[in-house]
Amino acid sequence: MKRNQVKEVLNLNWYVITGGPSSGKTSAIKELSRLGYITLPETARVFINEEMAKGKSLEEIRGNEAKFQEEVFKLKVEVEKKAPKDKIVFFDRGLPDSIAYYQVCGLDPQKITRLCQERRYRKIFFLEQLPFEKDYARVEDDEIVKKLNKLLRESYTNLGYVVVDIPAMSVEKGVQKILSEINRI
């Protein structure tokens, strides 16, 4: 990577909202969007919705979890390539989330870990787990959710990020906390 590329990556105003499934990430992203911020939805959910629109069932889409996670990671990379580099952007999950998901389904995350070391976000916000609720796109169970929470946090801390915890609270208060944190930079 050239020197000016490194500088560009480190100066991005990109923030990640992460946490286990059913932690309120999507609600926080929707509220940030309502407030006028640029937000990018969870890539896995976008992929599932697109595939379902083609007539595929969730079982067909997620039947091979390793293949599903590989496709989601490729899409995340493409989304980031197109994201504005000169504006504040909030992502519903960042590239390092894939490290945890790869580990859960038995894939080696080494290749994506290297890519995650080259791309940096300004801050990571980790939402406290809420009671798990299944929906049309979630296949995880309580045990996997617990494991994912641990691995998601490790994915970011192992990459040198300081993770800002957002406790369970109303969406509005959680978003206020997030916004107060980005103003501390």
Protein backbone atom coordinates (compact mmCIF):
# COMPACT_ATOMS: atom_id res chain seq x y z
CA MET A 1 0.00 0.00 0.00
CA LYS A 2 1.32 3.41 -0.93
CA ARG A 3 1.91 6.01 1.74
CA ASN A 4 -0.89 8.36 0.61
CA GLN A 5 -3.34 5.42 0.57
CA VAL A 6 -2.53 4.62 4.20
CA LYS A 7 -3.12 8.26 5.14
CA GLU A 8 -6.49 8.22 3.35
CA VAL A 9 -7.64 5.07 5.12
CA LEU A 10 -6.64 6.37 8.56
CA ASN A 11 -8.46 9.65 8.01
CA LEU A 12 -11.82 8.14 7.10
CA ASN A 13 -14.78 9.25 9.19
CA TRP A 14 -16.28 5.77 9.19
CA TYR A 15 -17.88 4.26 12.27
CA VAL A 16 -19.10 0.74 12.92
CA ILE A 17 -22.16 -0.26 14.91
CA THR A 18 -21.71 -3.91 15.89
CA GLY A 19 -22.82 -6.52 18.38
CA GLY A 20 -24.52 -9.89 18.31
CA PRO A 21 -27.67 -10.67 16.39
CA SER A 22 -30.66 -8.92 17.96
CA SER A 23 -28.64 -6.21 19.76
CA GLY A 24 -30.40 -3.22 18.20
CA LYS A 25 -27.86 -2.39 15.49
CA THR A 26 -30.45 -1.98 12.76
CA SER A 27 -32.62 0.24 14.96
CA ALA A 28 -29.62 2.45 15.76
CA ILE A 29 -28.68 2.66 12.07
CA LYS A 30 -32.26 3.61 11.14
CA GLU A 31 -32.26 6.36 13.79
CA LEU A 32 -28.91 7.71 12.58
CA SER A 33 -30.29 7.74 9.05
CA ARG A 34 -33.42 9.56 10.23
CA LEU A 35 -31.11 12.17 11.78
CA GLY A 36 -29.49 12.73 8.39
CA TYR A 37 -26.32 10.64 8.67
CA ILE A 38 -25.11 8.39 5.89
CA THR A 39 -25.72 4.81 6.96
CA LEU A 40 -25.10 1.50 5.30
CA PRO A 41 -27.27 -1.48 6.24
CA GLU A 42 -26.06 -4.90 7.27
CA THR A 43 -24.67 -6.53 4.13
CA ALA A 44 -25.79 -10.03 5.09
CA ARG A 45 -29.40 -8.91 5.39
CA VAL A 46 -29.20 -7.03 2.06
CA PHE A 47 -27.80 -10.16 0.41
CA ILE A 48 -30.54 -12.35 1.93
CA ASN A 49 -33.25 -9.92 0.79
CA GLU A 50 -31.85 -9.80 -2.75
CA GLU A 51 -31.65 -13.60 -2.96
CA MET A 52 -35.18 -14.01 -1.55
CA ALA A 53 -36.44 -11.53 -4.16
CA LYS A 54 -35.06 -13.97 -6.75
CA GLY A 55 -37.26 -16.68 -5.23
CA LYS A 56 -34.69 -18.45 -3.05
CA SER A 57 -35.57 -19.69 0.41
CA LEU A 58 -33.49 -18.92 3.50
CA GLU A 59 -32.46 -22.59 3.56
CA GLU A 60 -31.11 -22.28 0.01
CA ILE A 61 -29.30 -19.03 0.83
CA ARG A 62 -27.79 -20.13 4.15
CA GLY A 63 -27.69 -23.89 3.62
CA ASN A 64 -23.93 -23.68 3.15
CA GLU A 65 -22.98 -21.18 5.85
CA ALA A 66 -19.32 -21.03 4.81
CA LYS A 67 -20.24 -20.10 1.24
CA PHE A 68 -22.79 -17.60 2.54
CA GLN A 69 -20.19 -15.89 4.76
CA GLU A 70 -17.70 -15.72 1.89
CA GLU A 71 -20.31 -14.03 -0.34
CA VAL A 72 -21.24 -11.58 2.41
CA PHE A 73 -17.60 -10.63 2.94
CA LYS A 74 -17.10 -9.97 -0.78
CA LEU A 75 -20.15 -7.72 -0.77
CA LYS A 76 -18.90 -5.84 2.32
CA VAL A 77 -15.66 -5.06 0.50
CA GLU A 78 -17.62 -3.78 -2.53
CA VAL A 79 -19.89 -1.65 -0.33
CA GLU A 80 -16.86 -0.05 1.34
CA LYS A 81 -15.25 0.70 -2.01
CA LYS A 82 -18.35 2.73 -2.93
CA ALA A 83 -18.86 4.44 0.45
CA PRO A 84 -18.14 8.17 0.58
CA LYS A 85 -14.60 8.76 1.78
CA ASP A 86 -15.10 12.41 2.72
CA LYS A 87 -18.19 12.11 4.94
CA ILE A 88 -19.26 10.55 8.22
CA VAL A 89 -20.58 7.06 7.49
CA PHE A 90 -22.09 4.55 9.91
CA PHE A 91 -21.89 0.86 8.99
CA ASP A 92 -24.18 -1.83 10.37
CA ARG A 93 -21.25 -4.24 10.89
CA GLY A 94 -17.73 -3.73 9.56
CA LEU A 95 -15.30 -6.00 7.79
CA PRO A 96 -13.89 -7.40 11.07
CA ASP A 97 -17.34 -8.83 11.91
CA SER A 98 -16.62 -11.39 9.22
CA ILE A 99 -13.66 -12.68 11.23
CA ALA A 100 -16.08 -13.80 13.95
CA TYR A 101 -18.58 -15.26 11.50
CA TYR A 102 -15.81 -17.11 9.66
CA GLN A 103 -14.64 -18.60 12.95
CA VAL A 104 -18.14 -19.73 13.90
CA CYS A 105 -18.60 -21.62 10.62
CA GLY A 106 -15.11 -23.12 10.58
CA LEU A 107 -13.44 -20.95 7.94
CA ASP A 108 -9.91 -19.61 8.30
CA PRO A 109 -10.17 -15.81 8.75
CA GLN A 110 -6.45 -15.16 8.09
CA LYS A 111 -6.97 -13.64 4.61
CA ILE A 112 -9.71 -11.29 5.74
CA THR A 113 -7.80 -10.41 8.91
CA ARG A 114 -4.97 -9.09 6.72
CA LEU A 115 -7.42 -6.95 4.75
CA CYS A 116 -8.96 -5.67 8.00
CA GLN A 117 -5.50 -4.57 9.14
CA GLU A 118 -5.23 -2.38 6.02
CA ARG A 119 -8.62 -0.71 6.44
CA ARG A 120 -9.43 1.27 9.55
CA TYR A 121 -12.55 2.77 11.04
CA ARG A 122 -12.62 5.82 13.28
CA LYS A 123 -14.52 4.13 16.15
CA ILE A 124 -16.32 0.90 16.94
CA PHE A 125 -19.57 0.88 18.90
CA PHE A 126 -20.53 -2.45 20.46
CA LEU A 127 -24.19 -2.71 21.38
CA GLU A 128 -25.08 -4.79 24.44
CA GLN A 129 -27.00 -7.95 23.63
CA LEU A 130 -30.77 -7.72 23.95
CA PRO A 131 -33.02 -10.78 24.33
CA PHE A 132 -32.51 -12.78 21.15
CA GLU A 133 -35.39 -12.75 18.71
CA LYS A 134 -35.44 -14.93 15.62
CA ASP A 135 -36.65 -13.37 12.39
CA TYR A 136 -36.79 -14.34 8.72
CA ALA A 137 -33.01 -13.93 8.23
CA ARG A 138 -31.52 -15.19 11.51
CA VAL A 139 -30.48 -18.80 11.89
CA GLU A 140 -28.42 -18.45 15.06
CA ASP A 141 -29.42 -19.94 18.40
CA ASP A 142 -28.66 -18.62 21.91
CA GLU A 143 -25.35 -20.53 22.09
CA ILE A 144 -24.12 -19.15 18.75
CA VAL A 145 -25.22 -15.62 19.72
CA LYS A 146 -23.17 -15.84 22.92
CA LYS A 147 -20.15 -17.13 21.00
CA LEU A 148 -20.54 -14.43 18.33
CA ASN A 149 -20.63 -11.67 20.94
CA LYS A 150 -17.30 -12.85 22.33
CA LEU A 151 -15.72 -13.33 18.90
CA LEU A 152 -17.00 -10.02 17.52
CA ARG A 153 -15.41 -8.08 20.36
CA GLU A 154 -12.15 -10.06 19.97
CA SER A 155 -12.12 -9.40 16.22
CA TYR A 156 -11.95 -5.66 16.82
CA THR A 157 -9.72 -5.64 19.91
CA ASN A 158 -7.23 -7.99 18.24
CA LEU A 159 -7.00 -5.44 15.42
CA GLY A 160 -6.13 -2.72 17.94
CA TYR A 161 -9.48 -0.97 18.16
CA VAL A 162 -10.81 0.48 21.37
CA VAL A 163 -14.40 -0.73 21.45
CA VAL A 164 -16.98 1.66 22.91
CA ASP A 165 -19.72 -0.22 24.74
CA ILE A 166 -23.28 0.99 24.30
CA PRO A 167 -25.44 -0.44 27.09
CA ALA A 168 -29.01 -1.56 26.52
CA MET A 169 -31.15 1.59 26.50
CA SER A 170 -33.68 3.26 24.25
CA VAL A 171 -32.65 3.66 20.63
CA GLU A 172 -32.65 7.43 20.99
CA LYS A 173 -30.41 7.40 24.08
CA GLY A 174 -28.06 4.87 22.49
CA VAL A 175 -27.72 7.02 19.40
CA GLN A 176 -27.13 10.11 21.57
CA LYS A 177 -24.29 8.23 23.30
CA ILE A 178 -22.82 7.23 19.93
CA LEU A 179 -22.98 10.80 18.64
CA SER A 180 -21.42 12.19 21.83
CA GLU A 181 -18.55 9.70 21.37
CA ILE A 182 -17.85 10.71 17.78
CA ASN A 183 -17.68 14.34 18.85
CA ARG A 184 -14.85 13.46 21.31
CA ILE A 185 -12.39 12.73 18.54
